[in-house]
Amino acid sequence: MVQDQILLNDWHVIARSQDLQPGTVLHKRLLGSDVVLWHNGDKVLAWQDVCPHRGARLSLGYVNKETLVCPYHGLAFNSEGKCVLVPAKNESSVLANLIYSLCQLD
């Protein structure tokens, strides 16, 4: 993983807008870190590509009703990165994801 603060605090092009239509989930690698990009129907989001529950890659999941669903246990995360559904418990959880700042240019 990159430790250079100048690179870490700069803007980087990671995808094209046309590649991120509503419902799209993409895996990207940036500066040695795995990133999941997804479109919740309203905006594009970029998170660390790991489910905080068991470490599954969220980029292998899917978008459902403005949430990103983990492919492993089906945990659903809202656009703020908060887990809003744990299917095994039928309730929300305190789990959350690392969220990156985005700037979309068309």
Protein backbone atom coordinates (compact mmCIF):
# COMPACT_ATOMS: atom_id res chain seq x y z
CA MET A 1 0.00 0.00 0.00
CA VAL A 2 1.20 3.50 -0.81
CA GLN A 3 2.21 5.68 2.15
CA ASP A 4 3.06 8.89 0.26
CA GLN A 5 0.78 11.58 1.76
CA ILE A 6 0.88 13.68 -1.41
CA LEU A 7 -0.47 10.80 -3.50
CA LEU A 8 -2.99 9.77 -0.84
CA ASN A 9 -4.42 13.30 -0.56
CA ASP A 10 -4.70 13.97 -4.29
CA TRP A 11 -7.50 13.32 -6.79
CA HIS A 12 -7.20 10.26 -9.06
CA VAL A 13 -9.24 9.23 -12.09
CA ILE A 14 -10.55 5.74 -11.38
CA ALA A 15 -13.46 5.24 -13.82
CA ARG A 16 -15.56 6.91 -16.49
CA SER A 17 -19.08 8.13 -15.72
CA GLN A 18 -20.56 6.11 -18.58
CA ASP A 19 -19.16 2.92 -16.99
CA LEU A 20 -21.12 3.57 -13.78
CA GLN A 21 -24.79 3.56 -14.68
CA PRO A 22 -27.39 3.08 -11.90
CA GLY A 23 -27.09 -0.39 -10.38
CA THR A 24 -23.48 -0.87 -11.51
CA VAL A 25 -20.81 -2.30 -9.20
CA LEU A 26 -17.12 -2.15 -10.23
CA HIS A 27 -13.86 -3.27 -8.66
CA LYS A 28 -10.83 -1.00 -9.04
CA ARG A 29 -7.36 -0.96 -7.53
CA LEU A 30 -5.92 2.43 -6.55
CA LEU A 31 -2.54 3.01 -4.90
CA GLY A 32 -2.41 -0.57 -3.67
CA SER A 33 -5.93 -0.58 -2.21
CA ASP A 34 -9.01 -2.39 -3.49
CA VAL A 35 -11.94 -0.03 -4.11
CA VAL A 36 -15.56 -0.79 -4.93
CA LEU A 37 -17.41 1.77 -7.04
CA TRP A 38 -21.18 1.58 -7.18
CA HIS A 39 -24.13 3.66 -8.34
CA ASN A 40 -27.12 3.69 -6.00
CA GLY A 41 -29.44 5.26 -8.58
CA ASP A 42 -28.75 8.77 -7.30
CA LYS A 43 -24.96 9.04 -7.10
CA VAL A 44 -21.69 7.16 -7.50
CA LEU A 45 -19.95 5.96 -4.34
CA ALA A 46 -16.43 4.66 -3.66
CA TRP A 47 -15.62 2.50 -0.66
CA GLN A 48 -12.92 0.19 0.54
CA ASP A 49 -13.74 -3.11 -1.19
CA VAL A 50 -14.27 -5.22 1.89
CA CYS A 51 -17.30 -6.14 3.95
CA PRO A 52 -16.56 -5.31 7.60
CA HIS A 53 -18.36 -8.48 8.69
CA ARG A 54 -16.26 -11.26 7.10
CA GLY A 55 -13.97 -9.48 4.65
CA ALA A 56 -15.76 -10.48 1.45
CA ARG A 57 -15.25 -8.27 -1.61
CA LEU A 58 -18.27 -5.98 -1.88
CA SER A 59 -17.52 -5.55 -5.59
CA LEU A 60 -18.83 -9.11 -6.06
CA GLY A 61 -22.18 -8.02 -4.62
CA TYR A 62 -25.08 -6.13 -6.18
CA VAL A 63 -27.20 -3.00 -5.80
CA ASN A 64 -30.70 -3.44 -4.35
CA LYS A 65 -33.01 -0.50 -3.54
CA GLU A 66 -30.20 2.05 -3.09
CA THR A 67 -28.06 -0.32 -1.00
CA LEU A 68 -24.95 -2.35 -1.80
CA VAL A 69 -25.47 -5.99 -0.83
CA CYS A 70 -22.54 -8.16 0.24
CA PRO A 71 -22.30 -11.43 -1.73
CA TYR A 72 -21.36 -13.50 1.35
CA HIS A 73 -24.13 -13.08 3.94
CA GLY A 74 -26.32 -10.53 2.17
CA LEU A 75 -25.66 -7.60 4.49
CA ALA A 76 -26.97 -4.40 2.88
CA PHE A 77 -25.16 -1.06 3.24
CA ASN A 78 -26.76 2.33 2.55
CA SER A 79 -25.00 5.23 0.81
CA GLU A 80 -23.50 6.40 4.11
CA GLY A 81 -21.78 3.01 4.51
CA LYS A 82 -24.01 1.91 7.39
CA CYS A 83 -25.30 -1.65 7.47
CA VAL A 84 -29.09 -1.36 7.26
CA LEU A 85 -29.99 -5.05 6.90
CA VAL A 86 -28.61 -8.25 8.39
CA PRO A 87 -30.75 -11.00 6.80
CA ALA A 88 -29.96 -13.55 9.52
CA LYS A 89 -31.21 -11.13 12.19
CA ASN A 90 -33.74 -9.19 10.07
CA GLU A 91 -32.42 -5.93 11.53
CA SER A 92 -29.70 -3.33 11.07
CA SER A 93 -26.22 -3.38 12.58
CA VAL A 94 -23.49 -1.00 13.68
CA LEU A 95 -21.14 -2.19 10.90
CA ALA A 96 -19.93 0.52 8.54
CA ASN A 97 -17.56 0.90 5.59
CA LEU A 98 -14.63 3.18 4.83
CA ILE A 99 -15.92 5.77 2.36
CA TYR A 100 -13.82 7.75 -0.12
CA SER A 101 -14.58 11.26 -1.44
CA LEU A 102 -15.63 11.46 -5.09
CA CYS A 103 -15.90 14.15 -7.70
CA GLN A 104 -17.86 13.18 -10.81
CA LEU A 105 -17.02 15.07 -13.98
CA ASP A 106 -19.10 14.57 -17.12
